[in-house]
Protein backbone atom coordinates (compact mmCIF):
# COMPACT_ATOMS: atom_id res chain seq x y z
CA UNK A 1 -2.64 83.65 -177.90
CA UNK A 2 -4.66 84.47 -180.76
CA UNK A 3 -4.18 82.66 -183.78
CA UNK A 4 -2.09 84.89 -186.34
CA UNK A 5 -3.73 85.45 -189.55
CA UNK A 6 -1.23 84.43 -191.82
CA UNK A 7 -0.54 81.22 -189.85
CA UNK A 8 -1.46 78.03 -191.58
CA UNK A 9 -4.73 76.11 -190.48
CA UNK A 10 -3.86 72.92 -188.98
CA UNK A 11 -7.43 71.36 -189.10
CA UNK A 12 -10.92 72.54 -188.48
CA UNK A 13 -12.77 71.66 -185.28
CA UNK A 14 -16.31 72.01 -184.33
CA UNK A 15 -16.93 72.19 -180.20
CA UNK A 16 -20.23 71.27 -179.08
CA UNK A 17 -21.63 72.77 -175.41
CA UNK A 18 -24.61 73.82 -174.23
CA UNK A 19 -22.63 75.91 -171.70
CA UNK A 20 -21.24 79.15 -173.71
CA UNK A 21 -18.25 79.67 -171.63
CA UNK A 22 -16.89 76.04 -172.34
CA UNK A 23 -17.02 76.80 -175.88
CA UNK A 24 -15.38 80.10 -175.73
CA UNK A 25 -12.51 78.47 -173.44
CA UNK A 26 -11.84 75.66 -175.93
CA UNK A 27 -11.99 78.12 -179.24
CA UNK A 28 -9.38 80.27 -177.79
CA UNK A 29 -7.17 77.28 -176.73
CA UNK A 30 -7.59 75.90 -179.94
CA UNK A 31 -7.37 78.84 -181.87
CA UNK A 32 -3.86 79.74 -180.31
CA UNK A 33 -2.68 75.96 -181.24
CA UNK A 34 -3.48 76.76 -185.01
CA UNK A 35 -6.54 75.29 -185.64
CA UNK A 36 -9.81 76.79 -186.98
CA UNK A 37 -12.59 76.19 -184.97
CA UNK A 38 -16.78 76.33 -185.23
CA UNK A 39 -19.10 76.45 -182.28
CA UNK A 40 -22.41 74.91 -181.88
CA UNK A 41 -24.58 75.05 -178.48
CA UNK A 42 -26.66 72.18 -179.02
CA UNK A 43 -26.98 69.28 -181.08
CA UNK A 44 -29.19 70.32 -183.79
CA UNK A 45 -27.09 72.86 -184.43
CA UNK A 46 -24.20 70.89 -184.70
CA UNK A 47 -25.44 68.53 -187.14
CA UNK A 48 -26.74 71.31 -189.43
CA UNK A 49 -23.40 73.02 -189.48
CA UNK A 50 -21.50 69.48 -190.21
CA UNK A 51 -24.05 69.06 -193.16
CA UNK A 52 -23.35 72.44 -194.74
CA UNK A 53 -19.42 71.79 -194.39
CA UNK A 54 -17.80 68.87 -192.67
CA UNK A 55 -15.06 69.36 -189.99
CA UNK A 56 -11.51 67.26 -189.41
CA UNK A 57 -12.97 66.63 -185.49
CA UNK A 58 -15.69 67.16 -183.39
CA UNK A 59 -15.46 67.84 -179.62
CA UNK A 60 -18.70 66.78 -178.09
CA UNK A 61 -20.56 67.43 -174.44
CA UNK A 62 -22.64 64.73 -173.25
CA UNK A 63 -25.12 66.43 -171.39
CA UNK A 64 -27.44 68.84 -173.31
CA UNK A 65 -30.99 69.88 -173.39
CA UNK A 66 -33.62 68.11 -176.29
CA UNK A 67 -30.63 65.63 -177.71
CA UNK A 68 -27.77 64.47 -175.47
CA UNK A 69 -24.39 63.79 -177.15
CA UNK A 70 -24.78 60.32 -177.40
CA UNK A 71 -27.61 60.86 -179.68
CA UNK A 72 -25.71 63.27 -181.66
CA UNK A 73 -22.90 60.75 -182.25
CA UNK A 74 -25.34 58.33 -183.39
CA UNK A 75 -26.89 60.53 -186.31
CA UNK A 76 -23.44 61.67 -187.22
CA UNK A 77 -22.12 57.90 -187.38
CA UNK A 78 -25.46 56.91 -189.28
CA UNK A 79 -24.73 59.78 -192.11
CA UNK A 80 -22.29 58.74 -194.85
CA UNK A 81 -21.26 62.21 -195.00
CA UNK A 82 -20.25 62.57 -191.38
CA UNK A 83 -19.52 58.69 -190.14
CA UNK A 84 -15.65 59.13 -190.47
CA UNK A 85 -15.26 62.27 -188.34
CA UNK A 86 -13.39 61.63 -185.31
CA UNK A 87 -15.95 62.29 -182.07
CA UNK A 88 -14.00 63.43 -178.71
CA UNK A 89 -16.67 63.17 -175.77
CA UNK A 90 -16.14 66.11 -173.36
CA UNK A 91 -18.24 64.90 -169.93
CA UNK A 92 -18.36 65.81 -166.16
CA UNK A 93 -19.53 62.21 -166.08
CA UNK A 94 -16.76 59.92 -164.95
CA UNK A 95 -18.59 56.56 -164.45
CA UNK A 96 -16.89 53.79 -166.16
CA UNK A 97 -20.53 52.82 -167.92
CA UNK A 98 -20.86 56.52 -169.32
CA UNK A 99 -17.51 55.90 -171.28
CA UNK A 100 -18.22 52.46 -172.23
CA UNK A 101 -21.39 54.08 -173.83
CA UNK A 102 -19.60 56.57 -175.27
CA UNK A 103 -17.36 54.23 -177.21
CA UNK A 104 -20.12 52.16 -177.98
CA UNK A 105 -21.82 54.91 -180.08
CA UNK A 106 -18.90 55.64 -182.46
CA UNK A 107 -16.80 57.75 -179.90
CA UNK A 108 -12.97 57.40 -180.29
CA UNK A 109 -11.87 59.15 -177.38
CA UNK A 110 -13.24 60.74 -173.69
CA UNK A 111 -12.20 63.57 -171.65
CA UNK A 112 -13.54 64.19 -168.33
CA UNK A 113 -14.26 67.90 -166.93
CA UNK A 114 -12.26 69.80 -165.78
CA UNK A 115 -9.85 69.24 -168.54
CA UNK A 116 -6.15 70.23 -168.60
CA UNK A 117 -5.54 72.31 -171.75
CA UNK A 118 -2.14 69.84 -172.50
CA UNK A 119 -4.54 66.88 -172.43
CA UNK A 120 -6.96 68.15 -174.73
CA UNK A 121 -4.36 69.44 -177.03
CA UNK A 122 -2.64 66.21 -177.05
CA UNK A 123 -5.59 64.01 -177.58
CA UNK A 124 -6.68 66.37 -180.66
CA UNK A 125 -3.28 66.17 -182.12
CA UNK A 126 -3.26 62.28 -181.84
CA UNK A 127 -6.50 61.82 -183.32
CA UNK A 128 -6.01 64.11 -186.18
CA UNK A 129 -2.77 62.17 -186.77
CA UNK A 130 -4.53 58.66 -186.64
CA UNK A 131 -6.94 60.16 -189.01
CA UNK A 132 -4.21 61.37 -191.65
CA UNK A 133 -2.60 58.35 -191.29
CA UNK A 134 -5.65 56.39 -192.30
CA UNK A 135 -6.53 58.83 -195.22
CA UNK A 136 -3.21 58.18 -196.37
CA UNK A 137 -3.81 54.37 -196.05
CA UNK A 138 -6.79 54.34 -197.90
CA UNK A 139 -5.58 56.27 -200.57
CA UNK A 140 -2.64 53.88 -200.65
CA UNK A 141 -5.11 50.81 -200.79
CA UNK A 142 -7.17 52.58 -203.63
CA UNK A 143 -4.00 53.51 -205.49
CA UNK A 144 -2.88 49.79 -205.03
CA UNK A 145 -6.41 48.57 -205.99
CA UNK A 146 -6.28 50.77 -209.26
CA UNK A 147 -2.84 49.12 -209.81
CA UNK A 148 -4.05 45.81 -209.70
CA UNK A 149 -7.01 46.96 -211.94
CA UNK A 150 -4.75 48.14 -214.59
CA UNK A 151 -2.52 44.94 -214.35
CA UNK A 152 -5.31 43.03 -214.75
CA UNK A 153 -6.35 44.98 -217.79
CA UNK A 154 -3.16 44.60 -219.55
CA UNK A 155 -3.23 41.10 -218.56
CA UNK A 156 -6.69 40.70 -220.23
CA UNK A 157 -5.58 42.50 -223.15
CA UNK A 158 -1.90 40.53 -223.38
CA UNK A 159 -4.39 37.11 -223.44
CA UNK A 160 -6.29 38.75 -226.04
CA UNK A 161 -3.38 39.69 -228.31
CA UNK A 162 -1.97 36.30 -227.61
CA UNK A 163 -4.93 34.45 -228.86
CA UNK A 164 -5.14 36.72 -231.79
CA UNK A 165 -1.59 35.81 -232.44
CA UNK A 166 -2.38 32.54 -232.43
CA UNK A 167 -5.63 32.70 -234.51
CA UNK A 168 -3.31 34.60 -237.23
CA UNK A 169 -0.57 31.80 -236.98
CA UNK A 170 -3.18 28.88 -237.57
CA UNK A 171 -5.08 31.01 -240.55
CA UNK A 172 -1.67 31.72 -242.47
CA UNK A 173 -0.54 27.93 -241.69
CA UNK A 174 -3.98 26.94 -243.02
CA UNK A 175 -3.91 29.55 -245.51
CA UNK A 176 -0.32 27.96 -246.90
CA UNK A 177 -2.05 24.32 -246.38
CA UNK A 178 -5.02 25.20 -248.85
CA UNK A 179 -2.81 27.06 -251.48
CA UNK A 180 -0.33 23.85 -251.38
CA UNK A 181 -3.38 21.78 -251.60
CA UNK A 182 -4.51 23.74 -254.40
CA UNK A 183 -1.37 23.70 -256.29
CA UNK A 184 -0.95 20.19 -256.04
CA UNK A 185 -4.22 19.57 -257.26
CA UNK A 186 -4.07 21.91 -260.20
CA UNK A 187 -0.73 19.88 -261.05
CA UNK A 188 -2.58 16.53 -260.81
CA UNK A 189 -5.21 17.89 -263.05
CA UNK A 190 -3.03 19.12 -265.40
CA UNK A 191 -0.59 16.45 -265.66
CA UNK A 192 -2.70 13.50 -265.36
CA UNK A 193 -6.48 14.47 -266.42
CA UNK A 194 -5.45 15.33 -270.20
CA UNK A 195 -3.56 11.87 -270.91
CA UNK A 196 -6.16 9.83 -269.00
CA UNK A 197 -9.22 11.50 -270.97
CA UNK A 198 -6.96 10.71 -274.06
CA UNK A 199 -6.83 7.00 -273.04
CA UNK A 200 -10.12 6.83 -271.58
CA UNK A 201 -11.78 8.15 -274.74
CA UNK A 202 -9.49 6.07 -276.99
CA UNK A 203 -9.95 2.54 -275.11
CA UNK A 204 -13.13 2.29 -277.15
CA UNK A 205 -11.46 2.64 -280.29
CA UNK A 206 -8.75 0.07 -279.87
CA UNK A 207 -11.15 -2.56 -278.46
CA UNK A 208 -12.97 -2.07 -281.61
CA UNK A 209 -9.99 -2.32 -283.83
CA UNK A 210 -8.59 -5.25 -282.02
CA UNK A 211 -11.47 -7.24 -282.49
CA UNK A 212 -11.92 -6.57 -286.17
CA UNK A 213 -8.53 -7.62 -286.53
CA UNK A 214 -9.05 -10.56 -285.03
CA UNK A 215 -12.17 -11.61 -287.13
CA UNK A 216 -10.29 -11.00 -290.06
CA UNK A 217 -7.49 -13.43 -288.53
CA UNK A 218 -10.35 -15.84 -288.14
CA UNK A 219 -11.73 -15.39 -291.78
CA UNK A 220 -8.18 -15.92 -292.70
CA UNK A 221 -8.34 -19.32 -290.48
CA UNK A 222 -11.24 -20.33 -292.29
CA UNK A 223 -10.46 -19.66 -295.77
CA UNK A 224 -6.80 -20.63 -295.82
CA UNK A 225 -6.18 -23.68 -293.23
CA UNK A 226 -3.35 -24.77 -294.64
CA UNK A 227 -0.50 -22.30 -294.01
CA UNK A 228 3.17 -22.63 -294.08
CA UNK A 229 4.95 -24.19 -291.23
CA UNK A 230 6.65 -21.16 -290.14
CA UNK A 231 3.19 -19.34 -289.70
CA UNK A 232 1.52 -22.25 -288.23
CA UNK A 233 4.57 -22.57 -285.50
CA UNK A 234 4.33 -18.94 -284.80
CA UNK A 235 0.24 -19.21 -284.69
CA UNK A 236 0.68 -22.02 -281.70
CA UNK A 237 3.19 -19.71 -279.83
CA UNK A 238 0.45 -16.93 -279.55
CA UNK A 239 -2.60 -19.04 -278.31
CA UNK A 240 -5.11 -17.00 -280.43
CA UNK A 241 -8.37 -18.85 -278.91
CA UNK A 242 -7.14 -17.47 -275.68
CA UNK A 243 -6.17 -14.37 -276.54
CA UNK A 244 -9.26 -13.61 -277.80
CA UNK A 245 -11.22 -14.49 -274.74
CA UNK A 246 -8.73 -12.55 -272.37
CA UNK A 247 -8.78 -9.25 -274.43
CA UNK A 248 -12.26 -8.28 -273.50
CA UNK A 249 -11.22 -8.81 -270.04
CA UNK A 250 -8.10 -6.76 -270.25
CA UNK A 251 -10.16 -3.85 -272.32
CA UNK A 252 -12.78 -3.69 -269.27
CA UNK A 253 -10.03 -3.65 -266.59
CA UNK A 254 -8.12 -1.20 -268.41
CA UNK A 255 -11.60 0.79 -268.60
CA UNK A 256 -12.26 0.28 -265.14
CA UNK A 257 -8.70 1.38 -264.09
CA UNK A 258 -9.06 4.71 -266.32
CA UNK A 259 -12.36 5.32 -264.91
CA UNK A 260 -11.18 5.27 -261.55
CA UNK A 261 -8.40 7.87 -262.07
CA UNK A 262 -10.92 9.89 -263.64
CA UNK A 263 -13.02 9.85 -260.71
CA UNK A 264 -10.07 10.45 -257.98
CA UNK A 265 -8.73 13.67 -260.13
CA UNK A 266 -12.74 14.77 -260.55
CA UNK A 267 -13.00 14.20 -256.63
CA UNK A 268 -9.83 16.23 -256.04
CA UNK A 269 -10.78 19.29 -258.17
CA UNK A 270 -14.41 18.97 -256.30
CA UNK A 271 -12.46 18.52 -252.76
CA UNK A 272 -10.64 21.70 -253.51
CA UNK A 273 -13.37 23.61 -255.65
CA UNK A 274 -10.59 25.23 -257.69
CA UNK A 275 -12.45 25.91 -260.46
CA UNK A 276 -15.51 27.87 -258.10
CA UNK A 277 -16.47 30.66 -256.57
CA UNK A 278 -15.14 30.72 -252.91
CA UNK A 279 -18.48 30.71 -251.83
CA UNK A 280 -20.87 28.21 -253.39
CA UNK A 281 -24.35 26.51 -253.11
CA UNK A 282 -23.20 22.85 -252.78
CA UNK A 283 -24.24 19.26 -251.69
CA UNK A 284 -22.89 18.20 -248.24
CA UNK A 285 -23.06 14.57 -248.93
CA UNK A 286 -21.06 14.81 -252.01
CA UNK A 287 -18.40 16.84 -250.25
CA UNK A 288 -18.32 13.93 -247.49
CA UNK A 289 -18.19 11.28 -250.07
CA UNK A 290 -15.41 13.12 -252.30
CA UNK A 291 -13.42 13.32 -248.91
CA UNK A 292 -14.27 9.54 -248.13
CA UNK A 293 -13.03 8.77 -251.76
CA UNK A 294 -9.68 10.76 -251.03
CA UNK A 295 -8.95 8.95 -247.55
CA UNK A 296 -9.94 5.24 -249.22
CA UNK A 297 -6.62 4.35 -249.02
CA UNK A 298 -6.38 4.36 -245.31
CA UNK A 299 -10.26 3.26 -244.87
CA UNK A 300 -9.20 0.15 -246.64
CA UNK A 301 -6.73 -0.96 -244.05
CA UNK A 302 -3.56 -2.66 -244.42
CA UNK A 303 -1.78 -5.67 -242.84
CA UNK A 304 -1.39 -3.62 -239.31
CA UNK A 305 -4.85 -2.59 -239.49
CA UNK A 306 -8.05 -3.94 -240.65
CA UNK A 307 -10.46 -2.28 -243.09
CA UNK A 308 -12.70 0.60 -241.20
CA UNK A 309 -16.22 0.25 -241.77
CA UNK A 310 -18.22 3.38 -242.74
CA UNK A 311 -21.82 3.77 -241.86
CA UNK A 312 -23.50 6.28 -243.85
CA UNK A 313 -26.99 7.74 -242.30
CA UNK A 314 -27.62 10.64 -244.79
CA UNK A 315 -31.04 12.51 -244.18
CA UNK A 316 -32.59 14.96 -246.99
CA UNK A 317 -30.58 17.98 -246.94
CA UNK A 318 -31.08 21.56 -249.10
CA UNK A 319 -27.81 22.56 -250.82
CA UNK A 320 -25.85 25.21 -248.65
CA UNK A 321 -24.69 28.02 -249.71
CA UNK A 322 -20.77 28.12 -247.81
CA UNK A 323 -17.34 28.10 -248.54
CA UNK A 324 -17.21 24.68 -249.79
CA UNK A 325 -13.26 23.72 -250.29
CA UNK A 326 -13.06 24.72 -246.17
CA UNK A 327 -15.95 22.76 -245.27
CA UNK A 328 -14.24 19.78 -247.24
CA UNK A 329 -11.04 20.39 -245.36
CA UNK A 330 -13.38 20.28 -242.17
CA UNK A 331 -14.48 16.75 -243.03
CA UNK A 332 -10.68 15.76 -243.83
CA UNK A 333 -9.42 16.97 -240.58
CA UNK A 334 -12.36 15.09 -238.73
CA UNK A 335 -12.44 11.78 -240.94
CA UNK A 336 -8.24 11.62 -240.64
CA UNK A 337 -8.65 12.01 -237.05
CA UNK A 338 -11.53 9.51 -236.50
CA UNK A 339 -9.55 7.02 -238.60
CA UNK A 340 -6.15 7.43 -236.38
CA UNK A 341 -8.55 7.05 -232.93
CA UNK A 342 -9.68 3.66 -234.68
CA UNK A 343 -6.48 2.36 -235.44
CA UNK A 344 -4.96 2.94 -232.16
CA UNK A 345 -7.96 0.35 -230.69
CA UNK A 346 -7.05 -3.24 -231.12
CA UNK A 347 -10.65 -4.68 -232.23
CA UNK A 348 -11.86 -6.45 -235.24
CA UNK A 349 -14.46 -4.09 -236.02
CA UNK A 350 -13.28 -0.41 -236.68
CA UNK A 351 -16.21 1.79 -237.73
CA UNK A 352 -16.87 5.36 -238.24
CA UNK A 353 -20.50 6.59 -238.43
CA UNK A 354 -21.64 9.57 -240.66
CA UNK A 355 -24.96 10.93 -240.02
CA UNK A 356 -26.92 13.90 -241.38
CA UNK A 357 -30.07 15.71 -240.57
CA UNK A 358 -32.13 18.94 -240.38
CA UNK A 359 -32.32 20.50 -236.54
CA UNK A 360 -35.48 22.71 -235.91
CA UNK A 361 -35.74 23.82 -239.84
CA UNK A 362 -32.59 26.00 -239.14
CA UNK A 363 -29.68 24.05 -238.89
CA UNK A 364 -27.81 21.41 -240.81
CA UNK A 365 -26.09 18.50 -238.40
CA UNK A 366 -23.64 16.67 -239.95
CA UNK A 367 -22.50 13.79 -236.97
CA UNK A 368 -19.29 12.27 -237.68
CA UNK A 369 -18.56 9.04 -234.89
CA UNK A 370 -16.06 6.54 -234.37
CA UNK A 371 -15.47 3.49 -231.91
CA UNK A 372 -11.92 4.92 -231.05
CA UNK A 373 -10.13 5.20 -228.06
CA UNK A 374 -12.05 7.81 -227.00
CA UNK A 375 -10.72 11.29 -224.77
CA UNK A 376 -10.23 12.27 -221.36
CA UNK A 377 -11.66 15.65 -220.12
CA UNK A 378 -8.33 16.85 -220.01
CA UNK A 379 -7.78 16.28 -223.66
CA UNK A 380 -11.58 17.13 -224.74
CA UNK A 381 -10.94 20.52 -223.27
CA UNK A 382 -8.07 21.57 -225.52
CA UNK A 383 -8.70 19.78 -228.81
CA UNK A 384 -9.52 22.85 -230.28
CA UNK A 385 -6.83 25.26 -229.18
CA UNK A 386 -4.33 26.03 -231.84
CA UNK A 387 -1.19 23.88 -231.81
CA UNK A 388 -2.56 21.35 -228.98
CA UNK A 389 -1.75 17.92 -230.54
CA UNK A 390 -1.81 14.38 -228.81
CA UNK A 391 0.48 13.04 -231.42
CA UNK A 392 4.08 12.31 -231.05
CA UNK A 393 6.52 15.48 -232.05
CA UNK A 394 7.13 15.87 -235.53
CA UNK A 395 3.49 13.75 -236.53
CA UNK A 396 0.99 16.48 -236.52
CA UNK A 397 0.96 20.25 -236.02
CA UNK A 398 -2.26 20.17 -233.65
CA UNK A 399 -3.93 22.65 -236.13
CA UNK A 400 -6.74 20.13 -237.84
CA UNK A 401 -9.39 20.59 -235.25
CA UNK A 402 -8.63 24.36 -234.32
CA UNK A 403 -8.59 25.10 -238.13
CA UNK A 404 -11.91 22.96 -238.26
CA UNK A 405 -13.36 25.11 -235.14
CA UNK A 406 -12.57 28.22 -237.29
CA UNK A 407 -14.35 27.40 -240.05
CA UNK A 408 -17.49 26.23 -238.78
CA UNK A 409 -17.94 28.56 -235.86
CA UNK A 410 -16.17 32.04 -237.47
CA UNK A 411 -16.68 31.44 -241.24
CA UNK A 412 -20.18 29.92 -241.08
CA UNK A 413 -21.46 31.14 -237.85
CA UNK A 414 -22.17 27.30 -237.01
CA UNK A 415 -21.23 25.17 -233.72
CA UNK A 416 -18.67 22.67 -233.30
CA UNK A 417 -18.79 20.30 -230.56
CA UNK A 418 -17.49 17.16 -228.80
CA UNK A 419 -18.76 14.33 -227.18
CA UNK A 420 -16.40 11.62 -225.93
CA UNK A 421 -14.64 9.59 -223.14
CA UNK A 422 -12.04 6.98 -222.56
CA UNK A 423 -12.69 4.22 -224.36
CA UNK A 424 -15.85 5.08 -225.30
CA UNK A 425 -15.29 6.30 -228.80
CA UNK A 426 -15.80 10.24 -230.00
CA UNK A 427 -18.51 12.22 -231.89
CA UNK A 428 -18.03 15.45 -233.57
CA UNK A 429 -21.14 17.55 -234.19
CA UNK A 430 -21.07 20.56 -236.68
CA UNK A 431 -24.05 22.51 -236.87
CA UNK A 432 -24.56 24.94 -239.87
CA UNK A 433 -27.38 27.60 -240.07
CA UNK A 434 -29.25 27.04 -242.85
CA UNK A 435 -30.60 31.08 -242.97
CA UNK A 436 -26.83 32.25 -242.25
CA UNK A 437 -25.31 30.16 -245.24
CA UNK A 438 -27.94 30.88 -247.56
CA UNK A 439 -28.39 34.59 -247.03
CA UNK A 440 -25.20 35.75 -245.42
CA UNK A 441 -22.61 33.70 -246.19
CA UNK A 442 -19.61 36.63 -245.65
CA UNK A 443 -17.43 34.94 -243.54
CA UNK A 444 -18.22 37.36 -240.40
CA UNK A 445 -16.27 36.61 -237.47
CA UNK A 446 -18.45 35.48 -234.85
CA UNK A 447 -18.17 34.56 -231.14
CA UNK A 448 -18.69 30.59 -230.92
């Protein structure tokens, strides 16, 4: 019944019994069945052997001197290295309480002496099968967990890639918008500014020449009061007295109109900063005022909407080194939204408040608030998402606040936050670090 040398070893089994004959008998039976058997005649020897090299299953006697089987099993289960090794108790004790205690300390089975060879082999085979199945199941669970972790990682990477695609789309659209604005302003500057400068510059000469001719005409009337009937009739149709009084008013209106066109063109150039470096030290208040001037046609109201009152509360701000054209675009986006918000409320006193201040000597605060319709928490949570809009299809791309967030947070290292509630209006708070804008101003991407 000896195991052949070239036969495969099915498992390693440790037999623990203080009676050597029992150990030898079990060793012979198990070896013949294809198992590799290790022996121990007391509990201490068994624990030392397990520490040196774990086995697949343990056959453990209960009644042993110094340390009984229950104590050995408790120590095995308390050790992480050996806690998962199945323990089958072997004992002449057949009382139910003994069996209950054996299972309580961690045993998986209980064989009563004298034992039958077939029973021992069957129970050993059964528990080795259970152990192998548990290991396979554990490995499958581990594989599933690894697979789930890999899928979660893929999902995270996909989400990051999707956000990057949205960010790139936003930047491309914004770049095209700014490029189109630049071309528009360049065209206005070229087509309007030069002829308007000609008109504006020559109004003074025209005014001077006109009044000289009027003075000459009065002299003629003084020294030659009697004129032919044809001239007198033509003179009566001209109403020279009224014309001489109305001409100064006409020239003043023309001068004011030309000055207004000149201011609009200058405001457009300042808004887009076409002729300046991308990063420039600027007056924030001037940028706000230029933006308000360009939006004056919407602020003045119309038949459907009343005039919107703009309240200014400007603090003492230093000039900031920033991306001036982009910062002006932020003001334009926020003010456009504020105007639309107050126009959706049917009240008689639509108002937008703009305030600026220094915070902790480190940040510039720019607060733009309106008394419009406000936003629900759900809308407020998404206002900085690319392509999100509450406007009807075809009336907005949903990029204004997303682009503004990118400009403030990523280009200037600042913060853009929103405070709003339905029916309570909306306030957008821009924070720009003074040190960042002065010393860095590189547009490095930072987490907002």
